[in-house]
Protein backbone atom coordinates (compact mmCIF):
# COMPACT_ATOMS: atom_id res chain seq x y z
CA MET A 1 -3.52 -1.15 -5.92
CA GLU A 2 -4.18 -2.53 -9.69
CA ILE A 3 -1.22 -1.85 -11.80
CA LEU A 4 -3.41 -2.45 -15.31
CA ARG A 5 -7.05 -2.17 -16.02
CA VAL A 6 -8.96 -4.83 -17.86
CA SER A 7 -12.34 -5.47 -18.52
CA ARG A 8 -14.32 -8.07 -20.93
CA ASP A 9 -15.64 -6.93 -24.10
CA VAL A 10 -19.07 -8.28 -26.16
CA TYR A 11 -17.15 -11.64 -27.14
CA GLY A 12 -15.90 -12.27 -23.29
CA GLN A 13 -12.13 -11.55 -24.16
CA GLU A 14 -9.78 -9.53 -21.92
CA VAL A 15 -9.20 -5.70 -22.76
CA LEU A 16 -6.74 -3.84 -21.55
CA GLU A 17 -8.14 -0.73 -20.68
CA GLY A 18 -5.42 1.63 -18.84
CA VAL A 19 -2.13 1.70 -16.57
CA SER A 20 -2.99 3.04 -13.33
CA TRP A 21 -2.56 6.96 -12.35
CA ASP A 22 -1.30 5.39 -9.08
CA LEU A 23 2.33 5.34 -10.55
CA LEU A 24 2.34 8.32 -11.99
CA PRO A 25 4.35 9.84 -9.03
CA VAL A 26 6.67 6.94 -8.82
CA ALA A 27 7.21 7.33 -12.82
CA VAL A 28 8.46 11.30 -12.14
CA GLY A 29 10.45 10.48 -8.68
CA ILE A 30 12.34 8.28 -11.00
CA GLY A 31 12.33 10.55 -13.51
CA VAL A 32 14.40 13.22 -11.27
CA LEU A 33 16.74 10.65 -9.66
CA VAL A 34 18.31 9.71 -13.33
CA ILE A 35 18.48 14.02 -13.91
CA VAL A 36 20.06 15.01 -10.96
CA GLY A 37 22.34 11.54 -10.95
CA HIS A 38 23.45 13.13 -14.54
CA LEU A 39 24.07 16.47 -13.43
CA ILE A 40 26.43 14.76 -10.39
CA TRP A 41 27.98 12.76 -12.50
CA ARG A 42 28.84 15.28 -15.48
CA LEU A 43 30.08 17.60 -12.58
CA MET A 44 32.00 14.97 -10.82
CA ARG A 45 33.54 13.64 -14.30
CA GLY A 46 34.93 17.92 -14.94
CA LYS A 47 35.18 19.14 -18.49
CA ARG A 48 37.02 16.93 -21.27
CA GLY A 49 38.79 18.32 -24.16
CA ALA A 50 36.85 20.12 -27.11
């Protein structure tokens, strides 16, 4: 699996073309874990003041 795609331009220099779409489910999964973890933490902490 290529994480980053690179190619060569007319002058022979490496050029970054993009990021692999294979990582999209990983990013979504981490985002969901952060949101659910934050909700659980807030529920366990309870309400304080204000």
